[in-house]
């Protein structure tokens, strides 16, 4: 596969499973239901029949058997309905977006219609912004790319990884998806926030009960990880690179007291939380300037 952008200062390698590698630039670039309630009985009258048919459609979207059966345009409409609802679980259940227990378990998968890449995403949760998705594999292996002085680094908001996600990866997504992805604001370390279409999750969003400075401001846990914790299931955190190799992957969380001064320098190593290749979330944090870990993008539609 041809290189899309010549790699410069940062080693950003998109992991495309069996489809090869694409280099990224530097920071200079980045059972079909009969009705919503699943009723199968025949209507006793024309009036009841009409009511049954109407219940399968909301905001112009007919209920389908699984997440993957919907187009991105349809999911965007469902997303708007869920975002505006006071009972989001009920709406998700109506559209068959949850399993039989009303949970997300990682099997709610949507394939990306792009002949060049074998990417898939899983439904991660939903809130006032609508439907949130997370990649099922690592789409890249990058140096996080944060360097700075003690007390002066904004972590993820100033990172190379954020730039590569939105400047380099976003244009590679299929048009039917990229046209409906929303820009959302995400809170980061030091009270900073960034508004992006593609982002990586925080430790708090993965369900970690963080106690470090500003960690609780990085968002509530998404339903996929809350449901997994209730089952004692960590498999939803496992990711592979190159289609088979288990890989560790970055979160966007940074811990202030983990900034370790470099020898003979005023610069500090910035430490970022990550998920290990065995699915464990580490809060002892990795060196953002030197480790090459996987990148697992998230987005809303």
Protein backbone atom coordinates (compact mmCIF):
# COMPACT_ATOMS: atom_id res chain seq x y z
CA UNK A 1 0.00 0.00 0.00
CA UNK A 2 1.35 3.39 -0.87
CA UNK A 3 2.46 5.84 1.76
CA UNK A 4 -0.09 8.62 2.13
CA UNK A 5 2.09 11.14 3.90
CA UNK A 6 5.84 11.01 4.23
CA UNK A 7 6.86 10.43 7.85
CA UNK A 8 8.87 13.29 9.31
CA UNK A 9 9.65 14.20 12.91
CA UNK A 10 7.42 11.71 14.71
CA UNK A 11 7.25 7.96 14.02
CA UNK A 12 3.48 7.57 13.46
CA UNK A 13 2.71 4.19 11.85
CA UNK A 14 -0.92 3.29 11.09
CA UNK A 15 -1.49 -0.38 11.83
CA UNK A 16 -3.88 -1.71 9.18
CA UNK A 17 -4.01 -5.42 10.03
CA UNK A 18 -3.66 -7.47 6.90
CA UNK A 19 -3.86 -4.38 4.72
CA UNK A 20 -0.34 -3.01 5.28
CA UNK A 21 1.01 0.21 6.77
CA UNK A 22 0.44 3.89 6.14
CA UNK A 23 2.82 6.49 7.50
CA UNK A 24 1.55 9.54 9.32
CA UNK A 25 3.02 13.01 9.26
CA UNK A 26 4.35 15.06 12.15
CA UNK A 27 2.63 17.74 14.13
CA UNK A 28 2.96 19.91 11.09
CA UNK A 29 0.17 18.00 9.40
CA UNK A 30 -2.28 14.48 12.41
CA UNK A 31 -33.24 -10.65 13.50
CA UNK A 32 -34.93 -7.88 12.16
CA UNK A 33 -37.67 -6.92 14.62
CA UNK A 34 -41.30 -6.68 13.61
CA UNK A 35 -41.62 -3.67 15.85
CA UNK A 36 -39.54 -1.60 18.29
CA UNK A 37 -40.68 -3.86 21.10
CA UNK A 38 -40.10 -7.02 19.02
CA UNK A 39 -43.81 -7.93 18.89
CA UNK A 40 -44.70 -10.68 16.41
CA UNK A 41 -48.41 -11.12 16.89
CA UNK A 42 -50.71 -10.14 14.05
CA UNK A 43 -52.76 -7.01 14.61
CA UNK A 44 -56.40 -7.70 15.35
CA UNK A 45 -57.59 -4.76 13.34
CA UNK A 46 -56.41 -2.33 10.66
CA UNK A 47 -55.94 0.29 13.41
CA UNK A 48 -53.69 -1.99 15.44
CA UNK A 49 -51.73 -2.93 12.31
CA UNK A 50 -51.10 0.71 11.53
CA UNK A 51 -49.93 1.36 15.09
CA UNK A 52 -47.55 -1.62 14.95
CA UNK A 53 -45.95 -0.42 11.73
CA UNK A 54 -45.57 3.10 13.05
CA UNK A 55 -43.73 1.83 16.15
CA UNK A 56 -40.86 0.54 14.01
CA UNK A 57 -40.02 3.97 12.66
CA UNK A 58 -38.75 7.01 14.50
CA UNK A 59 -37.00 10.00 12.98
CA UNK A 60 -37.32 8.22 9.64
CA UNK A 61 -35.28 5.14 10.64
CA UNK A 62 -36.76 1.64 10.42
CA UNK A 63 -35.67 -0.78 13.15
CA UNK A 64 -33.09 -3.32 11.97
CA UNK A 65 -31.68 -6.48 13.52
CA UNK A 66 -28.22 -5.23 14.47
CA UNK A 67 -25.94 -2.22 14.60
CA UNK A 68 -24.06 -3.22 11.46
CA UNK A 69 -27.28 -3.25 9.42
CA UNK A 70 -27.74 0.50 9.78
CA UNK A 71 -26.06 3.02 7.51
CA UNK A 72 -24.02 5.79 9.11
CA UNK A 73 -26.71 8.26 8.06
CA UNK A 74 -29.33 6.18 9.90
CA UNK A 75 -27.09 5.87 12.95
CA UNK A 76 -26.68 9.64 12.93
CA UNK A 77 -30.46 10.03 13.13
CA UNK A 78 -30.71 7.43 15.89
CA UNK A 79 -27.93 9.25 17.68
CA UNK A 80 -29.89 12.50 17.64
CA UNK A 81 -32.94 10.71 19.04
CA UNK A 82 -30.91 9.10 21.83
CA UNK A 83 -29.17 12.36 22.68
CA UNK A 84 -32.50 14.13 23.12
CA UNK A 85 -34.19 11.31 25.04
CA UNK A 86 -34.78 11.14 28.79
CA UNK A 87 -34.59 7.32 28.58
CA UNK A 88 -31.61 6.57 26.35
CA UNK A 89 -31.42 2.88 27.27
CA UNK A 90 -35.00 2.40 26.04
CA UNK A 91 -34.19 4.04 22.70
CA UNK A 92 -31.03 1.93 22.30
CA UNK A 93 -33.00 -1.21 23.09
CA UNK A 94 -35.71 -0.25 20.60
CA UNK A 95 -33.13 -0.08 17.81
CA UNK A 96 -31.48 -3.40 18.81
CA UNK A 97 -28.26 -1.72 19.87
CA UNK A 98 -28.01 -3.69 23.15
CA UNK A 99 -27.80 -7.40 23.93
CA UNK A 100 -30.65 -9.40 25.47
CA UNK A 101 -29.59 -8.25 28.95
CA UNK A 102 -29.70 -4.60 27.97
CA UNK A 103 -25.91 -4.32 27.95
CA UNK A 104 -23.09 -3.45 25.59
CA UNK A 105 -20.67 -6.37 25.44
CA UNK A 106 -18.33 -5.51 22.56
CA UNK A 107 -20.28 -7.46 19.95
CA UNK A 108 -22.19 -4.39 18.77
CA UNK A 109 -19.85 -3.87 15.81
CA UNK A 110 -20.03 -1.66 12.73
CA UNK A 111 -17.70 -2.30 9.80
CA UNK A 112 -16.25 0.64 7.93
CA UNK A 113 -17.02 0.46 4.22
CA UNK A 114 -13.54 1.19 2.91
CA UNK A 115 -11.77 -1.22 0.58
CA UNK A 116 -8.33 -0.03 1.70
CA UNK A 117 -8.70 -0.64 5.42
CA UNK A 118 -10.13 -3.48 7.51
CA UNK A 119 -11.33 -1.24 10.32
CA UNK A 120 -14.28 -1.88 12.63
CA UNK A 121 -15.73 0.07 15.53
CA UNK A 122 -17.80 -0.97 18.56
CA UNK A 123 -20.61 0.98 20.16
CA UNK A 124 -19.06 2.35 23.36
CA UNK A 125 -22.02 4.17 24.83
CA UNK A 126 -24.34 7.13 24.47
CA UNK A 127 -25.11 10.38 26.21
CA UNK A 128 -26.34 13.88 25.39
CA UNK A 129 -23.94 13.93 22.43
CA UNK A 130 -25.47 10.78 20.95
CA UNK A 131 -23.77 7.51 20.00
CA UNK A 132 -20.07 7.04 20.84
CA UNK A 133 -17.86 4.50 19.10
CA UNK A 134 -14.39 3.05 19.76
CA UNK A 135 -12.07 1.18 17.38
CA UNK A 136 -11.89 -2.59 17.92
CA UNK A 137 -8.19 -2.69 17.01
CA UNK A 138 -5.26 -0.35 17.28
CA UNK A 139 -5.18 1.77 14.14
CA UNK A 140 -1.68 3.03 14.83
CA UNK A 141 1.45 2.68 16.93
CA UNK A 142 2.72 6.10 17.90
CA UNK A 143 4.94 7.96 20.24
CA UNK A 144 2.45 10.09 22.24
CA UNK A 145 4.52 13.17 21.46
CA UNK A 146 4.31 15.39 24.55
CA UNK A 147 7.32 17.32 25.78
CA UNK A 148 7.40 20.33 28.03
CA UNK A 149 8.48 22.00 31.22
CA UNK A 150 7.15 21.04 34.64
CA UNK A 151 3.78 22.66 35.23
CA UNK A 152 3.63 23.94 31.68
CA UNK A 153 2.48 20.94 29.67
CA UNK A 154 -1.16 20.60 28.62
CA UNK A 155 -0.70 16.91 27.86
CA UNK A 156 -3.06 15.56 25.24
CA UNK A 157 -4.23 18.94 23.98
CA UNK A 158 -0.69 19.78 22.83
CA UNK A 159 0.31 16.26 21.79
CA UNK A 160 1.45 14.98 18.43
CA UNK A 161 -0.99 12.09 18.72
CA UNK A 162 -3.97 14.45 18.75
CA UNK A 163 -2.73 16.26 15.66
CA UNK A 164 -2.12 13.03 13.77
CA UNK A 165 -5.59 11.71 14.61
CA UNK A 166 -7.40 14.71 13.20
CA UNK A 167 -5.00 15.89 10.49
CA UNK A 168 -3.94 12.53 9.05
CA UNK A 169 -6.38 9.77 10.04
CA UNK A 170 -9.69 11.58 9.76
CA UNK A 171 -9.32 12.21 5.99
CA UNK A 172 -8.78 8.46 5.46
CA UNK A 173 -12.19 7.50 6.83
CA UNK A 174 -14.98 6.64 4.38
CA UNK A 175 -17.06 9.66 3.39
CA UNK A 176 -20.33 8.21 4.64
CA UNK A 177 -18.81 8.09 8.11
CA UNK A 178 -16.69 11.25 8.17
CA UNK A 179 -19.68 13.30 7.00
CA UNK A 180 -21.65 12.46 10.17
CA UNK A 181 -18.90 12.48 12.82
CA UNK A 182 -19.47 15.21 15.39
CA UNK A 183 -16.94 17.51 16.95
CA UNK A 184 -17.10 17.14 20.74
CA UNK A 185 -15.26 18.76 23.61
CA UNK A 186 -13.17 16.51 25.84
CA UNK A 187 -11.69 17.51 29.20
CA UNK A 188 -8.02 16.87 29.80
CA UNK A 189 -5.35 17.28 32.43
CA UNK A 190 -4.89 20.73 34.00
CA UNK A 191 -8.51 21.60 33.24
CA UNK A 192 -7.82 22.05 29.54
CA UNK A 193 -10.24 20.81 26.89
CA UNK A 194 -10.10 20.18 23.18
CA UNK A 195 -12.80 19.98 20.56
CA UNK A 196 -12.16 17.28 17.98
CA UNK A 197 -13.86 14.70 15.78
CA UNK A 198 -11.39 11.91 16.62
CA UNK A 199 -9.97 11.43 20.12
CA UNK A 200 -8.67 8.75 22.46
CA UNK A 201 -10.38 7.83 25.75
CA UNK A 202 -9.34 8.88 29.24
CA UNK A 203 -8.80 6.42 32.06
CA UNK A 204 -12.00 7.62 33.73
CA UNK A 205 -13.99 6.96 30.52
CA UNK A 206 -12.63 3.39 30.55
CA UNK A 207 -14.09 2.89 34.03
CA UNK A 208 -11.06 3.56 36.23
CA UNK A 209 -11.88 5.19 39.57
CA UNK A 210 -9.12 7.78 39.27
CA UNK A 211 -7.88 9.72 42.26
CA UNK A 212 -5.14 11.82 40.69
CA UNK A 213 -5.32 15.55 40.17
CA UNK A 214 -8.04 16.57 37.69
CA UNK A 215 -8.64 12.96 36.68
CA UNK A 216 -12.30 13.03 37.64
CA UNK A 217 -12.85 15.87 35.17
CA UNK A 218 -11.96 13.64 32.23
CA UNK A 219 -15.47 12.28 31.81
CA UNK A 220 -17.74 9.54 33.21
CA UNK A 221 -17.26 5.89 32.25
CA UNK A 222 -18.88 4.75 29.03
CA UNK A 223 -21.54 2.04 29.18
CA UNK A 224 -19.41 -0.60 27.40
CA UNK A 225 -16.84 -0.50 30.21
CA UNK A 226 -19.37 -0.13 33.03
CA UNK A 227 -21.25 -3.18 31.76
CA UNK A 228 -17.99 -5.13 31.38
CA UNK A 229 -16.99 -4.31 34.97
CA UNK A 230 -20.36 -5.58 36.22
CA UNK A 231 -19.60 -8.91 34.49
CA UNK A 232 -15.94 -9.00 35.57
CA UNK A 233 -14.95 -8.94 31.89
CA UNK A 234 -11.75 -7.17 30.83
CA UNK A 235 -11.76 -8.52 27.26
CA UNK A 236 -13.41 -5.34 25.98
CA UNK A 237 -10.07 -3.60 26.67
CA UNK A 238 -7.97 -5.97 24.56
CA UNK A 239 -6.63 -4.62 21.27
CA UNK A 240 -4.45 -6.04 18.53
CA UNK A 241 -2.10 -4.49 16.02
CA UNK A 242 -1.40 -5.87 12.54
CA UNK A 243 -4.53 -7.98 12.89
CA UNK A 244 -3.06 -10.43 15.41
CA UNK A 245 -0.42 -9.07 17.78
CA UNK A 246 -1.75 -7.95 21.18
CA UNK A 247 -0.71 -4.39 21.89
CA UNK A 248 -0.71 -1.83 24.68
CA UNK A 249 -2.54 1.39 23.86
CA UNK A 250 -2.68 4.99 25.02
CA UNK A 251 -5.27 6.87 27.02
CA UNK A 252 -5.19 10.67 27.07
CA UNK A 253 -4.79 10.85 30.87
CA UNK A 254 -1.70 12.43 32.38
CA UNK A 255 -0.62 12.43 36.01
CA UNK A 256 1.07 15.62 37.20
CA UNK A 257 3.17 14.08 39.95
CA UNK A 258 4.55 11.57 37.44
CA UNK A 259 6.52 14.23 35.57
CA UNK A 260 10.10 13.12 36.20
CA UNK A 261 12.94 15.62 35.52
CA UNK A 262 15.49 14.61 32.92
CA UNK A 263 19.17 14.63 33.85
CA UNK A 264 20.99 17.90 33.26
CA UNK A 265 17.89 19.49 31.77
CA UNK A 266 14.91 21.63 32.66
CA UNK A 267 12.71 19.36 30.55
CA UNK A 268 10.46 16.73 32.16
CA UNK A 269 9.21 13.37 31.01
CA UNK A 270 5.42 13.56 30.74
CA UNK A 271 3.67 10.40 31.91
CA UNK A 272 0.50 9.12 30.21
CA UNK A 273 -1.87 6.34 31.35
CA UNK A 274 -2.21 3.29 29.12
CA UNK A 275 -3.93 -0.10 28.72
CA UNK A 276 -1.59 -3.09 28.63
CA UNK A 277 -1.60 -5.81 25.99
CA UNK A 278 -3.33 -8.08 28.54
CA UNK A 279 -6.17 -5.59 29.06
CA UNK A 280 -5.02 -4.10 32.35
CA UNK A 281 -5.24 -0.33 32.85
CA UNK A 282 -2.02 1.04 34.28
CA UNK A 283 -2.00 4.16 36.37
CA UNK A 284 1.77 4.14 36.92
CA UNK A 285 1.92 5.77 33.49
CA UNK A 286 4.29 5.45 30.54
CA UNK A 287 6.83 7.89 29.18
CA UNK A 288 4.97 9.91 26.56
CA UNK A 289 8.13 10.90 24.75
CA UNK A 290 9.64 7.48 24.13
CA UNK A 291 7.09 4.64 24.24
CA UNK A 292 5.41 3.42 21.05
CA UNK A 293 1.92 2.21 21.96
CA UNK A 294 -1.26 1.59 20.03
CA UNK A 295 -3.82 4.24 19.18
CA UNK A 296 -7.53 3.38 19.55
CA UNK A 297 -9.65 6.24 18.14
CA UNK A 298 -13.11 7.18 19.36
CA UNK A 299 -15.82 9.38 17.88
CA UNK A 300 -19.47 10.41 18.05
CA UNK A 301 -22.02 10.47 15.25
